Each structure stands twice: as C-alpha cells, then as structure tokens.
C-alpha cells in the first residue's frame, strides 16, 4: 500500500524523517539499561497552569530548605518530542533544583497529562506557546525572581525553546541538550544528509485530512521505531530502547503522533532567525557520537549570542545524554555553571 510505504520512511521522533542506512545498536551497551533513580535533596510538587484555555500539567522542583520569603532564579525545562515531564526533562529539572534553581518541567499541550484536543498533536509552534505560558506561570509565584528566568530544551524540545527565546525576552539564558530542530530533520533527515522530498509526506497528509473530514478514522504514527529495528539510524534505535523499555518508559508517553500534524513539523524552522534574534547567553550540549550533532553545530554557528558555547560530551550518543549517569554528570555540571553565571 502506497501510504504505508510512506509511513515506513516518514517519522520517528517528533515527526522526523529517518531515511538512510541504519547501523546495528550495541545492545551490550544500552539495551535494558535501567538508570537508578538518584537521591534528591529537592522536592517536587504537581502544578497546573493556563495556556490560552488549555490546562497544562507540570512538576515544580524546589530546592531544599528554600525560604519562600526570598526570590530565586528559575528554569523552564522542555521535554523531547513524544516525551513527558517525568522522563529526561524531570531528571535535569531535579538536578538543577538541587543546585538552588526552581525548575519547571511540564507536558506539552495535547500530550501527556496536559489538556488540548486533538490528542497527540505535536505542532512545534504550539510548543513555543507552551513555553510562553510556562514563563507566565513562573512570574506569578512570589518566590520567583522574574528577572532571572532561564530555559532549557532537550532534543525536539530544544528547537521549540530556541524559537521561544528569540521573542520571549523574559528568558535570560538558554541551554540545549542533544538539540534538534524538527523542521530541519524532517527536511534533511536525522543526520542532515538524506535526500528527502517533503512534498510526498505533505500530499499524504492532505489526503488523510480529507479522509478524516469525511468520517475516516484518525491516523497515528509512532515517534520512535520498534525496539530492534536496525533500519533506523542508531540514535533512533536507542530512542526506542529509552521510550519503549523499562529504562525510560512512562504510561503517559504513548509513542503516538497524529499523522496530519506532520505538516507542522515540516514547516517549522526552529533555528531560523537565530542570527538576528537569539541574543541571550547560550549553552549547547551535545554528544560526540550523536547523529544529531550537526544540529548543535549549526545552532552554534547561527546564534547571534555574544556569550555562547558548544560543549561536547566525549563518547556520548544523542540518547546517552537523556539519562546515562556518566554522560549526564558533565552536562549537569556545565549547566549549573552556566545558569549560575547568567541568572
């Protein structure tokens, strides 16, 4: 079936295309690796906030022994496409709260425990709006210093966070981890080298929208491939292990993506205008072995920020920076230094 063939070559994480030759995953290194939950000196509280009529679900991490009569710097932490706040975003939010920052990890609108219909829509521009609303929420808290708010995005959350920071001037410092602009990946492939014709996908989306408008069942596609699918790029094979095994899976992270929403991802240009509008201090963290490294390198080259750094974690792949302690540790150390200096 023609449409099925399109789907087999269109999309993994956050509506990205993954055409190209895959490599076999080193299962001895990663499969069934369950990272132990670290002890925490911070506390977490479930919160909700409004986003243009949508109720957003978040986790607010508070430093130990904080004095609510004082004000503190804060950081909005934005999860990857298909992820939820309890996964890698929560891990980084917890680590940063232990360093004295108040951090907020939240589920994107239309996903996880947040509201919004249709479910499983992933529109990067919506995610930009989510970040605006998260900053709004932080400014309502009496113990937040509204002049010291930072943001951090992971994987596809980076593209949305970078885009938000360009126009959200309340964000004073920005960091990315395993950064991905989903639009660039959707047009150029995961490694940036694929010969992709996005019109094929857009034509399929158009056909499906017409079908659904006339009563057909809603179509969904997966964010990540099946565990063991060696045709996908190595990063995405590792993503399957993270999201679809006990290592990182969460019941609210369902690996479902609204097919008709792919058009939004193809259109998105997360790093576009960074040469003019992205002026805040910027820290870009990526693994030396990540297939997505080119995206972090391009962001570093494009950003207008006078204070910017590309920090490479040697030996780390894209997914290693989600939760593998030996790679997360240097990333967190660098993040703490960066935010302490700039917030």
C-alpha atoms as a PDB file:
ATOM      1  CA  UNK A   1       0.000   0.000   0.000  1.00  0.00           C
ATOM      2  CA  UNK A   2       1.498   3.317  -1.108  1.00  0.00           C
ATOM      3  CA  UNK A   3       0.609   5.256   2.043  1.00  0.00           C
ATOM      4  CA  UNK A   4       2.022   2.518   4.247  1.00  0.00           C
ATOM      5  CA  UNK A   5       5.349   2.757   2.393  1.00  0.00           C
ATOM      6  CA  UNK A   6       5.382   6.492   3.016  1.00  0.00           C
ATOM      7  CA  UNK A   7       4.807   5.924   6.712  1.00  0.00           C
ATOM      8  CA  UNK A   8       7.643   3.424   6.882  1.00  0.00           C
ATOM      9  CA  UNK A   9      10.064   6.136   5.720  1.00  0.00           C
ATOM     10  CA  UNK A  10       8.431   9.096   7.433  1.00  0.00           C
ATOM     11  CA  UNK A  11       8.932   9.853  11.051  1.00  0.00           C
ATOM     12  CA  UNK A  12      10.317   8.844  14.224  1.00  0.00           C
ATOM     13  CA  UNK A  13      10.948  11.333  16.993  1.00  0.00           C
ATOM     14  CA  UNK A  14       8.670  14.378  16.780  1.00  0.00           C
ATOM     15  CA  UNK A  15       7.640  13.873  13.196  1.00  0.00           C
ATOM     16  CA  UNK A  16      11.140  13.487  11.866  1.00  0.00           C
ATOM     17  CA  UNK A  17      12.131  11.524   8.793  1.00  0.00           C
ATOM     18  CA  UNK A  18      14.663   8.754   9.179  1.00  0.00           C
ATOM     19  CA  UNK A  19      15.513   7.636   5.688  1.00  0.00           C
ATOM     20  CA  UNK A  20      19.040   6.386   5.272  1.00  0.00           C
ATOM     21  CA  UNK A  21      21.104   3.422   6.307  1.00  0.00           C
ATOM     22  CA  UNK A  22      20.825   2.338   9.896  1.00  0.00           C
ATOM     23  CA  UNK A  23      23.526   0.720  11.998  1.00  0.00           C
ATOM     24  CA  UNK A  24      23.136  -2.122  14.422  1.00  0.00           C
ATOM     25  CA  UNK A  25      22.725  -0.991  18.006  1.00  0.00           C
ATOM     26  CA  UNK A  26      25.314  -2.099  20.523  1.00  0.00           C
ATOM     27  CA  UNK A  27      22.877  -3.959  22.769  1.00  0.00           C
ATOM     28  CA  UNK A  28      25.551  -4.835  25.303  1.00  0.00           C
ATOM     29  CA  UNK A  29      25.968  -1.122  25.979  1.00  0.00           C
ATOM     30  CA  UNK A  30      22.420   0.088  26.201  1.00  0.00           C
ATOM     31  CA  UNK A  31      19.593  -2.458  25.990  1.00  0.00           C
ATOM     32  CA  UNK A  32      17.653  -2.926  29.220  1.00  0.00           C
ATOM     33  CA  UNK A  33      19.857  -0.374  30.939  1.00  0.00           C
ATOM     34  CA  UNK A  34      17.682   0.925  33.754  1.00  0.00           C
ATOM     35  CA  UNK A  35      19.175   4.000  35.366  1.00  0.00           C
ATOM     36  CA  UNK A  36      18.666   4.040  39.150  1.00  0.00           C
ATOM     37  CA  UNK A  37      16.696   6.999  40.495  1.00  0.00           C
ATOM     38  CA  UNK A  38      19.195   9.299  42.217  1.00  0.00           C
ATOM     39  CA  UNK A  39      18.565  10.509  45.733  1.00  0.00           C
ATOM     40  CA  UNK A  40      17.299  14.054  45.723  1.00  0.00           C
ATOM     41  CA  UNK A  41      17.687  16.959  48.103  1.00  0.00           C
ATOM     42  CA  UNK A  42      14.868  18.873  46.388  1.00  0.00           C
ATOM     43  CA  UNK A  43      11.109  18.454  46.496  1.00  0.00           C
ATOM     44  CA  UNK A  44       8.617  18.205  43.646  1.00  0.00           C
ATOM     45  CA  UNK A  45       5.050  19.490  43.526  1.00  0.00           C
ATOM     46  CA  UNK A  46       2.441  18.824  40.836  1.00  0.00           C
ATOM     47  CA  UNK A  47       1.102  22.075  39.408  1.00  0.00           C
ATOM     48  CA  UNK A  48      -1.243  23.252  36.668  1.00  0.00           C
ATOM     49  CA  UNK A  49      -1.285  26.487  34.730  1.00  0.00           C
ATOM     50  CA  UNK A  50      -3.318  28.060  31.954  1.00  0.00           C
ATOM     51  CA  UNK A  51      -2.211  28.171  28.341  1.00  0.00           C
ATOM     52  CA  UNK A  52      -4.843  30.016  26.314  1.00  0.00           C
ATOM     53  CA  UNK A  53      -7.628  27.893  27.732  1.00  0.00           C
ATOM     54  CA  UNK A  54      -5.633  24.647  27.885  1.00  0.00           C
ATOM     55  CA  UNK A  55      -4.761  23.310  31.331  1.00  0.00           C
ATOM     56  CA  UNK A  56      -1.086  22.453  31.430  1.00  0.00           C
ATOM     57  CA  UNK A  57       0.310  19.837  33.814  1.00  0.00           C
ATOM     58  CA  UNK A  58       3.734  20.418  35.315  1.00  0.00           C
ATOM     59  CA  UNK A  59       6.119  19.388  38.050  1.00  0.00           C
ATOM     60  CA  UNK A  60       7.704  22.213  40.037  1.00  0.00           C
ATOM     61  CA  UNK A  61      11.029  21.304  41.653  1.00  0.00           C
ATOM     62  CA  UNK A  62      12.004  23.339  44.721  1.00  0.00           C
ATOM     63  CA  UNK A  63      15.486  23.489  46.289  1.00  0.00           C
ATOM     64  CA  UNK A  64      15.926  22.020  49.742  1.00  0.00           C
ATOM     65  CA  UNK A  65      15.377  24.401  52.643  1.00  0.00           C
ATOM     66  CA  UNK A  66      14.235  27.225  50.384  1.00  0.00           C
ATOM     67  CA  UNK A  67      12.823  30.298  52.059  1.00  0.00           C
ATOM     68  CA  UNK A  68       9.607  31.353  50.337  1.00  0.00           C
ATOM     69  CA  UNK A  69      10.019  34.888  51.638  1.00  0.00           C
ATOM     70  CA  UNK A  70      13.007  35.224  49.278  1.00  0.00           C
ATOM     71  CA  UNK A  71      13.208  35.069  45.484  1.00  0.00           C
ATOM     72  CA  UNK A  72      15.115  32.544  43.392  1.00  0.00           C
ATOM     73  CA  UNK A  73      16.231  32.072  39.780  1.00  0.00           C
ATOM     74  CA  UNK A  74      14.148  29.577  37.809  1.00  0.00           C
ATOM     75  CA  UNK A  75      14.450  27.415  34.702  1.00  0.00           C
ATOM     76  CA  UNK A  76      11.775  26.049  32.366  1.00  0.00           C
ATOM     77  CA  UNK A  77      12.808  22.555  31.187  1.00  0.00           C
ATOM     78  CA  UNK A  78      11.209  21.383  27.928  1.00  0.00           C
ATOM     79  CA  UNK A  79      10.906  17.667  27.128  1.00  0.00           C
ATOM     80  CA  UNK A  80      11.687  15.915  23.814  1.00  0.00           C
ATOM     81  CA  UNK A  81       9.037  15.117  21.224  1.00  0.00           C
ATOM     82  CA  UNK A  82       6.951  12.189  22.433  1.00  0.00           C
ATOM     83  CA  UNK A  83       8.309  12.550  25.947  1.00  0.00           C
ATOM     84  CA  UNK A  84       6.684  13.643  29.174  1.00  0.00           C
ATOM     85  CA  UNK A  85       7.803  15.628  32.195  1.00  0.00           C
ATOM     86  CA  UNK A  86       8.651  12.551  34.270  1.00  0.00           C
ATOM     87  CA  UNK A  87      11.382  11.378  31.895  1.00  0.00           C
ATOM     88  CA  UNK A  88      14.638  13.138  30.970  1.00  0.00           C
ATOM     89  CA  UNK A  89      13.173  16.638  31.467  1.00  0.00           C
ATOM     90  CA  UNK A  90      12.349  15.738  35.051  1.00  0.00           C
ATOM     91  CA  UNK A  91      15.822  14.304  35.595  1.00  0.00           C
ATOM     92  CA  UNK A  92      17.511  17.541  34.539  1.00  0.00           C
ATOM     93  CA  UNK A  93      14.940  19.646  36.416  1.00  0.00           C
ATOM     94  CA  UNK A  94      15.726  17.699  39.574  1.00  0.00           C
ATOM     95  CA  UNK A  95      19.481  18.069  39.199  1.00  0.00           C
ATOM     96  CA  UNK A  96      19.221  21.812  38.612  1.00  0.00           C
ATOM     97  CA  UNK A  97      16.885  22.294  41.572  1.00  0.00           C
ATOM     98  CA  UNK A  98      19.480  20.629  43.759  1.00  0.00           C
ATOM     99  CA  UNK A  99      21.832  23.424  42.709  1.00  0.00           C
ATOM    100  CA  UNK A 100      19.453  26.078  44.037  1.00  0.00           C
ATOM    101  CA  UNK A 101      17.269  26.797  41.000  1.00  0.00           C
ATOM    102  CA  UNK A 102      13.492  26.448  40.953  1.00  0.00           C
ATOM    103  CA  UNK A 103      12.690  24.351  37.895  1.00  0.00           C
ATOM    104  CA  UNK A 104       9.513  23.590  35.986  1.00  0.00           C
ATOM    105  CA  UNK A 105       9.083  20.553  33.736  1.00  0.00           C
ATOM    106  CA  UNK A 106       5.706  20.254  32.039  1.00  0.00           C
ATOM    107  CA  UNK A 107       3.852  18.156  29.483  1.00  0.00           C
ATOM    108  CA  UNK A 108       3.373  19.759  26.085  1.00  0.00           C
ATOM    109  CA  UNK A 109      -0.157  20.780  25.176  1.00  0.00           C
ATOM    110  CA  UNK A 110      -2.174  17.985  23.519  1.00  0.00           C
ATOM    111  CA  UNK A 111       0.151  15.429  25.118  1.00  0.00           C
ATOM    112  CA  UNK A 112       0.802  13.657  28.425  1.00  0.00           C
ATOM    113  CA  UNK A 113      -1.275  14.926  31.337  1.00  0.00           C
ATOM    114  CA  UNK A 114      -1.821  18.354  29.749  1.00  0.00           C
ATOM    115  CA  UNK A 115      -5.081  19.205  28.025  1.00  0.00           C
ATOM    116  CA  UNK A 116      -5.826  20.030  24.413  1.00  0.00           C
ATOM    117  CA  UNK A 117      -7.615  18.374  21.515  1.00  0.00           C
ATOM    118  CA  UNK A 118      -6.919  16.598  19.218  1.00  0.00           C
ATOM    119  CA  UNK A 119      -4.748  14.335  21.314  1.00  0.00           C
ATOM    120  CA  UNK A 120      -1.194  13.531  20.242  1.00  0.00           C
ATOM    121  CA  UNK A 121      -0.913  16.626  18.051  1.00  0.00           C
ATOM    122  CA  UNK A 122       2.715  17.795  18.002  1.00  0.00           C
ATOM    123  CA  UNK A 123       2.853  21.265  16.470  1.00  0.00           C
ATOM    124  CA  UNK A 124       6.212  22.895  17.287  1.00  0.00           C
ATOM    125  CA  UNK A 125       4.649  26.354  17.183  1.00  0.00           C
ATOM    126  CA  UNK A 126       2.166  25.234  19.838  1.00  0.00           C
ATOM    127  CA  UNK A 127       5.124  24.159  21.926  1.00  0.00           C
ATOM    128  CA  UNK A 128       6.594  27.644  21.579  1.00  0.00           C
ATOM    129  CA  UNK A 129       3.323  28.960  23.026  1.00  0.00           C
ATOM    130  CA  UNK A 130       3.555  26.396  25.814  1.00  0.00           C
ATOM    131  CA  UNK A 131       6.884  27.910  26.835  1.00  0.00           C
ATOM    132  CA  UNK A 132       5.469  31.433  26.851  1.00  0.00           C
ATOM    133  CA  UNK A 133       2.737  30.228  29.217  1.00  0.00           C
ATOM    134  CA  UNK A 134       5.224  28.387  31.432  1.00  0.00           C
ATOM    135  CA  UNK A 135       7.159  31.636  31.845  1.00  0.00           C
ATOM    136  CA  UNK A 136       3.871  33.436  32.580  1.00  0.00           C
ATOM    137  CA  UNK A 137       3.186  30.922  35.322  1.00  0.00           C
ATOM    138  CA  UNK A 138       6.591  31.310  36.944  1.00  0.00           C
ATOM    139  CA  UNK A 139       6.151  35.077  37.149  1.00  0.00           C
ATOM    140  CA  UNK A 140       3.002  34.578  39.280  1.00  0.00           C
ATOM    141  CA  UNK A 141       4.968  32.822  42.024  1.00  0.00           C
ATOM    142  CA  UNK A 142       6.076  35.158  44.808  1.00  0.00           C
ATOM    143  CA  UNK A 143       9.380  33.342  45.327  1.00  0.00           C
ATOM    144  CA  UNK A 144      10.465  33.601  41.668  1.00  0.00           C
ATOM    145  CA  UNK A 145      12.751  36.404  40.550  1.00  0.00           C
ATOM    146  CA  UNK A 146      11.073  37.427  37.276  1.00  0.00           C
ATOM    147  CA  UNK A 147      14.338  38.928  36.067  1.00  0.00           C
ATOM    148  CA  UNK A 148      16.218  35.631  36.403  1.00  0.00           C
ATOM    149  CA  UNK A 149      14.280  33.082  34.336  1.00  0.00           C
ATOM    150  CA  UNK A 150      16.129  30.636  32.105  1.00  0.00           C
ATOM    151  CA  UNK A 151      15.070  27.868  29.729  1.00  0.00           C
ATOM    152  CA  UNK A 152      16.455  24.530  28.652  1.00  0.00           C
ATOM    153  CA  UNK A 153      15.288  22.225  25.850  1.00  0.00           C
ATOM    154  CA  UNK A 154      16.105  18.586  25.185  1.00  0.00           C
ATOM    155  CA  UNK A 155      16.046  17.064  21.670  1.00  0.00           C
ATOM    156  CA  UNK A 156      12.937  18.394  19.860  1.00  0.00           C
ATOM    157  CA  UNK A 157      12.230  20.493  22.949  1.00  0.00           C
ATOM    158  CA  UNK A 158      15.386  22.425  22.011  1.00  0.00           C
ATOM    159  CA  UNK A 159      14.013  23.650  18.697  1.00  0.00           C
ATOM    160  CA  UNK A 160      10.864  24.958  20.370  1.00  0.00           C
ATOM    161  CA  UNK A 161      12.838  26.506  23.226  1.00  0.00           C
ATOM    162  CA  UNK A 162      15.286  28.235  20.895  1.00  0.00           C
ATOM    163  CA  UNK A 163      12.372  29.621  18.870  1.00  0.00           C
ATOM    164  CA  UNK A 164      10.589  30.785  22.006  1.00  0.00           C
ATOM    165  CA  UNK A 165      13.679  32.505  23.391  1.00  0.00           C
ATOM    166  CA  UNK A 166      14.039  34.603  20.255  1.00  0.00           C
ATOM    167  CA  UNK A 167      10.851  36.509  21.060  1.00  0.00           C
ATOM    168  CA  UNK A 168      10.371  35.732  24.773  1.00  0.00           C
ATOM    169  CA  UNK A 169      12.744  38.252  26.243  1.00  0.00           C
ATOM    170  CA  UNK A 170      11.909  37.218  29.776  1.00  0.00           C
ATOM    171  CA  UNK A 171      14.148  34.209  29.080  1.00  0.00           C
ATOM    172  CA  UNK A 172      17.577  35.491  30.130  1.00  0.00           C
ATOM    173  CA  UNK A 173      19.695  32.394  29.464  1.00  0.00           C
ATOM    174  CA  UNK A 174      19.164  29.350  27.235  1.00  0.00           C
ATOM    175  CA  UNK A 175      20.652  25.857  27.072  1.00  0.00           C
ATOM    176  CA  UNK A 176      20.055  22.880  24.802  1.00  0.00           C
ATOM    177  CA  UNK A 177      20.888  19.213  25.282  1.00  0.00           C
ATOM    178  CA  UNK A 178      21.009  16.904  22.237  1.00  0.00           C
ATOM    179  CA  UNK A 179      19.395  19.741  20.310  1.00  0.00           C
ATOM    180  CA  UNK A 180      17.096  19.099  17.366  1.00  0.00           C
ATOM    181  CA  UNK A 181      15.160  21.431  15.087  1.00  0.00           C
ATOM    182  CA  UNK A 182      12.396  19.076  13.947  1.00  0.00           C
ATOM    183  CA  UNK A 183      11.830  21.037  10.761  1.00  0.00           C
ATOM    184  CA  UNK A 184      15.437  20.682   9.666  1.00  0.00           C
ATOM    185  CA  UNK A 185      15.430  16.970  10.496  1.00  0.00           C
ATOM    186  CA  UNK A 186      12.126  16.475   8.665  1.00  0.00           C
ATOM    187  CA  UNK A 187      13.503  18.118   5.542  1.00  0.00           C
ATOM    188  CA  UNK A 188      17.098  16.862   5.670  1.00  0.00           C
ATOM    189  CA  UNK A 189      16.948  13.595   7.592  1.00  0.00           C
ATOM    190  CA  UNK A 190      18.217  12.685  11.040  1.00  0.00           C
ATOM    191  CA  UNK A 191      21.870  13.004  10.045  1.00  0.00           C
ATOM    192  CA  UNK A 192      21.300  16.046   7.830  1.00  0.00           C
ATOM    193  CA  UNK A 193      22.450  14.206   4.709  1.00  0.00           C
ATOM    194  CA  UNK A 194      19.314  12.479   3.414  1.00  0.00           C
ATOM    195  CA  UNK A 195      17.688  13.321   0.108  1.00  0.00           C
ATOM    196  CA  UNK A 196      14.097  13.844   1.278  1.00  0.00           C
ATOM    197  CA  UNK A 197      11.125  15.053  -0.731  1.00  0.00           C
ATOM    198  CA  UNK A 198       8.770  16.508   1.908  1.00  0.00           C
ATOM    199  CA  UNK A 199       6.083  17.004  -0.740  1.00  0.00           C
ATOM    200  CA  UNK A 200       5.417  13.255  -0.681  1.00  0.00           C
ATOM    201  CA  UNK A 201       4.567  13.409   3.018  1.00  0.00           C
ATOM    202  CA  UNK A 202       2.573  16.621   2.618  1.00  0.00           C
ATOM    203  CA  UNK A 203       0.487  15.072  -0.156  1.00  0.00           C
ATOM    204  CA  UNK A 204      -0.243  12.087   2.083  1.00  0.00           C
ATOM    205  CA  UNK A 205      -1.217  14.412   4.930  1.00  0.00           C
ATOM    206  CA  UNK A 206      -3.565  16.321   2.626  1.00  0.00           C
ATOM    207  CA  UNK A 207      -5.233  13.096   1.524  1.00  0.00           C
ATOM    208  CA  UNK A 208      -5.633  11.927   5.116  1.00  0.00           C
ATOM    209  CA  UNK A 209      -7.109  15.254   6.259  1.00  0.00           C
ATOM    210  CA  UNK A 210      -9.763  14.980   3.567  1.00  0.00           C
ATOM    211  CA  UNK A 211     -10.500  11.393   4.581  1.00  0.00           C
ATOM    212  CA  UNK A 212     -10.836  12.302   8.268  1.00  0.00           C
ATOM    213  CA  UNK A 213     -13.021  15.313   7.446  1.00  0.00           C
ATOM    214  CA  UNK A 214     -15.337  12.872   5.734  1.00  0.00           C
ATOM    215  CA  UNK A 215     -15.543  10.394   8.604  1.00  0.00           C
ATOM    216  CA  UNK A 216     -12.427   8.221   8.328  1.00  0.00           C
ATOM    217  CA  UNK A 217     -10.662   7.056  11.487  1.00  0.00           C
ATOM    218  CA  UNK A 218      -7.904   9.264  12.844  1.00  0.00           C
ATOM    219  CA  UNK A 219      -4.459   8.089  11.791  1.00  0.00           C
ATOM    220  CA  UNK A 220      -1.488   7.923  14.150  1.00  0.00           C
ATOM    221  CA  UNK A 221       2.162   7.066  13.532  1.00  0.00           C
ATOM    222  CA  UNK A 222       4.922   6.237  16.037  1.00  0.00           C
ATOM    223  CA  UNK A 223       7.528   8.695  17.246  1.00  0.00           C
ATOM    224  CA  UNK A 224      10.193   6.020  17.504  1.00  0.00           C
ATOM    225  CA  UNK A 225      10.706   2.726  15.657  1.00  0.00           C
ATOM    226  CA  UNK A 226      10.177  -0.681  17.180  1.00  0.00           C
ATOM    227  CA  UNK A 227      12.874  -1.953  19.511  1.00  0.00           C
ATOM    228  CA  UNK A 228      15.339  -3.925  17.392  1.00  0.00           C
ATOM    229  CA  UNK A 229      14.583  -2.121  14.104  1.00  0.00           C
ATOM    230  CA  UNK A 230      18.079  -1.897  12.605  1.00  0.00           C
ATOM    231  CA  UNK A 231      16.906   0.054   9.541  1.00  0.00           C
ATOM    232  CA  UNK A 232      16.575   3.211  11.640  1.00  0.00           C
ATOM    233  CA  UNK A 233      19.546   5.462  12.483  1.00  0.00           C
ATOM    234  CA  UNK A 234      21.428   4.419  15.586  1.00  0.00           C
ATOM    235  CA  UNK A 235      20.154   7.375  17.627  1.00  0.00           C
ATOM    236  CA  UNK A 236      16.576   6.367  16.923  1.00  0.00           C
ATOM    237  CA  UNK A 237      17.257   2.725  17.725  1.00  0.00           C
ATOM    238  CA  UNK A 238      18.492   3.950  21.101  1.00  0.00           C
ATOM    239  CA  UNK A 239      15.404   6.155  21.384  1.00  0.00           C
ATOM    240  CA  UNK A 240      13.230   3.061  21.009  1.00  0.00           C
ATOM    241  CA  UNK A 241      15.100   1.425  23.897  1.00  0.00           C
ATOM    242  CA  UNK A 242      14.677   4.521  26.066  1.00  0.00           C
ATOM    243  CA  UNK A 243      10.996   5.125  25.384  1.00  0.00           C
ATOM    244  CA  UNK A 244       9.716   1.565  24.894  1.00  0.00           C
ATOM    245  CA  UNK A 245      11.507  -0.423  27.619  1.00  0.00           C
ATOM    246  CA  UNK A 246      11.649  -0.070  31.424  1.00  0.00           C
ATOM    247  CA  UNK A 247      14.736   2.127  31.028  1.00  0.00           C
ATOM    248  CA  UNK A 248      12.699   5.288  30.432  1.00  0.00           C
ATOM    249  CA  UNK A 249       9.123   4.400  29.505  1.00  0.00           C
ATOM    250  CA  UNK A 250       6.194   6.139  31.165  1.00  0.00           C
ATOM    251  CA  UNK A 251       2.473   5.380  30.725  1.00  0.00           C
ATOM    252  CA  UNK A 252       1.815   8.936  29.521  1.00  0.00           C
ATOM    253  CA  UNK A 253       4.449   8.632  26.790  1.00  0.00           C
ATOM    254  CA  UNK A 254       2.474   6.510  24.337  1.00  0.00           C
ATOM    255  CA  UNK A 255       4.564   6.658  21.137  1.00  0.00           C
ATOM    256  CA  UNK A 256       1.538   8.024  19.262  1.00  0.00           C
ATOM    257  CA  UNK A 257       1.744  11.006  16.916  1.00  0.00           C
ATOM    258  CA  UNK A 258      -1.180  12.483  14.976  1.00  0.00           C
ATOM    259  CA  UNK A 259      -0.279  11.855  11.343  1.00  0.00           C
ATOM    260  CA  UNK A 260      -1.876  15.008   9.970  1.00  0.00           C
ATOM    261  CA  UNK A 261       0.248  17.036  12.368  1.00  0.00           C
ATOM    262  CA  UNK A 262       3.402  16.127  10.421  1.00  0.00           C
ATOM    263  CA  UNK A 263       2.826  19.145   8.188  1.00  0.00           C
ATOM    264  CA  UNK A 264       3.521  21.485  11.091  1.00  0.00           C
ATOM    265  CA  UNK A 265       6.859  19.849  11.770  1.00  0.00           C
ATOM    266  CA  UNK A 266       7.988  20.019   8.150  1.00  0.00           C
ATOM    267  CA  UNK A 267       7.123  23.729   8.052  1.00  0.00           C
ATOM    268  CA  UNK A 268       8.890  24.568  11.326  1.00  0.00           C
ATOM    269  CA  UNK A 269      12.229  26.375  11.273  1.00  0.00           C
ATOM    270  CA  UNK A 270      13.415  26.259  14.858  1.00  0.00           C
ATOM    271  CA  UNK A 271      16.815  27.848  14.319  1.00  0.00           C
ATOM    272  CA  UNK A 272      15.755  30.288  11.619  1.00  0.00           C
ATOM    273  CA  UNK A 273      16.369  33.951  12.535  1.00  0.00           C
ATOM    274  CA  UNK A 274      18.768  32.884  15.298  1.00  0.00           C
ATOM    275  CA  UNK A 275      21.386  35.075  13.645  1.00  0.00           C
ATOM    276  CA  UNK A 276      19.225  38.110  14.373  1.00  0.00           C
ATOM    277  CA  UNK A 277      17.015  37.312  17.356  1.00  0.00           C
ATOM    278  CA  UNK A 278      18.835  34.795  19.567  1.00  0.00           C
ATOM    279  CA  UNK A 279      21.000  37.108  21.655  1.00  0.00           C
ATOM    280  CA  UNK A 280      20.797  35.645  25.166  1.00  0.00           C
ATOM    281  CA  UNK A 281      23.703  33.678  26.675  1.00  0.00           C
ATOM    282  CA  UNK A 282      23.592  30.214  25.095  1.00  0.00           C
ATOM    283  CA  UNK A 283      24.997  26.829  26.104  1.00  0.00           C
ATOM    284  CA  UNK A 284      24.723  23.996  23.579  1.00  0.00           C
ATOM    285  CA  UNK A 285      25.459  20.477  24.860  1.00  0.00           C
ATOM    286  CA  UNK A 286      25.790  17.500  22.521  1.00  0.00           C
ATOM    287  CA  UNK A 287      27.386  14.080  22.428  1.00  0.00           C
ATOM    288  CA  UNK A 288      30.438  13.497  20.240  1.00  0.00           C
ATOM    289  CA  UNK A 289      28.844  10.307  18.885  1.00  0.00           C
ATOM    290  CA  UNK A 290      25.371  11.737  18.249  1.00  0.00           C
ATOM    291  CA  UNK A 291      23.997  11.515  14.724  1.00  0.00           C
ATOM    292  CA  UNK A 292      22.242  14.778  15.508  1.00  0.00           C
ATOM    293  CA  UNK A 293      25.470  16.620  16.352  1.00  0.00           C
ATOM    294  CA  UNK A 294      25.262  18.649  13.143  1.00  0.00           C
ATOM    295  CA  UNK A 295      22.191  20.412  14.511  1.00  0.00           C
ATOM    296  CA  UNK A 296      24.039  21.683  17.592  1.00  0.00           C
ATOM    297  CA  UNK A 297      26.952  22.759  15.424  1.00  0.00           C
ATOM    298  CA  UNK A 298      24.629  24.711  13.135  1.00  0.00           C
ATOM    299  CA  UNK A 299      22.884  26.385  16.062  1.00  0.00           C
ATOM    300  CA  UNK A 300      26.244  27.436  17.469  1.00  0.00           C
ATOM    301  CA  UNK A 301      27.222  28.876  14.102  1.00  0.00           C
ATOM    302  CA  UNK A 302      23.916  30.715  13.593  1.00  0.00           C
ATOM    303  CA  UNK A 303      23.188  32.177  17.031  1.00  0.00           C
ATOM    304  CA  UNK A 304      23.774  35.892  17.471  1.00  0.00           C
ATOM    305  CA  UNK A 305      24.596  35.367  21.156  1.00  0.00           C
ATOM    306  CA  UNK A 306      27.888  37.007  22.108  1.00  0.00           C
ATOM    307  CA  UNK A 307      28.176  34.594  25.029  1.00  0.00           C
ATOM    308  CA  UNK A 308      27.757  31.126  23.524  1.00  0.00           C
ATOM    309  CA  UNK A 309      29.469  27.763  23.851  1.00  0.00           C
ATOM    310  CA  UNK A 310      29.203  24.366  22.204  1.00  0.00           C
ATOM    311  CA  UNK A 311      30.099  21.814  24.878  1.00  0.00           C
ATOM    312  CA  UNK A 312      30.804  18.316  23.552  1.00  0.00           C
ATOM    313  CA  UNK A 313      30.442  15.341  25.883  1.00  0.00           C
ATOM    314  CA  UNK A 314      33.026  12.869  24.626  1.00  0.00           C
ATOM    315  CA  UNK A 315      31.774   9.379  23.862  1.00  0.00           C
ATOM    316  CA  UNK A 316      28.092  10.232  24.313  1.00  0.00           C
ATOM    317  CA  UNK A 317      25.385   9.498  21.777  1.00  0.00           C
ATOM    318  CA  UNK A 318      22.197  11.531  21.430  1.00  0.00           C
ATOM    319  CA  UNK A 319      20.270   9.338  23.868  1.00  0.00           C
ATOM    320  CA  UNK A 320      23.114   8.875  26.353  1.00  0.00           C
ATOM    321  CA  UNK A 321      22.534  12.457  27.457  1.00  0.00           C
ATOM    322  CA  UNK A 322      18.950  11.610  28.432  1.00  0.00           C
ATOM    323  CA  UNK A 323      19.829   9.542  31.485  1.00  0.00           C
ATOM    324  CA  UNK A 324      23.161   7.693  31.444  1.00  0.00           C
ATOM    325  CA  UNK A 325      24.949   8.959  34.588  1.00  0.00           C
ATOM    326  CA  UNK A 326      28.489   9.095  33.199  1.00  0.00           C
ATOM    327  CA  UNK A 327      27.313  11.441  30.421  1.00  0.00           C
ATOM    328  CA  UNK A 328      24.599  13.326  32.281  1.00  0.00           C
ATOM    329  CA  UNK A 329      27.033  14.276  35.070  1.00  0.00           C
ATOM    330  CA  UNK A 330      29.337  16.503  32.965  1.00  0.00           C
ATOM    331  CA  UNK A 331      26.314  18.001  31.213  1.00  0.00           C
ATOM    332  CA  UNK A 332      24.677  18.891  34.533  1.00  0.00           C
ATOM    333  CA  UNK A 333      27.935  20.312  35.906  1.00  0.00           C
ATOM    334  CA  UNK A 334      28.234  22.562  32.861  1.00  0.00           C
ATOM    335  CA  UNK A 335      24.572  23.603  33.119  1.00  0.00           C
ATOM    336  CA  UNK A 336      24.959  24.561  36.777  1.00  0.00           C
ATOM    337  CA  UNK A 337      27.967  26.736  35.977  1.00  0.00           C
ATOM    338  CA  UNK A 338      26.178  28.350  33.039  1.00  0.00           C
ATOM    339  CA  UNK A 339      22.962  29.227  34.862  1.00  0.00           C
ATOM    340  CA  UNK A 340      24.828  30.339  37.994  1.00  0.00           C
ATOM    341  CA  UNK A 341      26.742  32.816  35.864  1.00  0.00           C
ATOM    342  CA  UNK A 342      23.833  34.070  33.779  1.00  0.00           C
ATOM    343  CA  UNK A 343      20.784  34.053  36.071  1.00  0.00           C
END
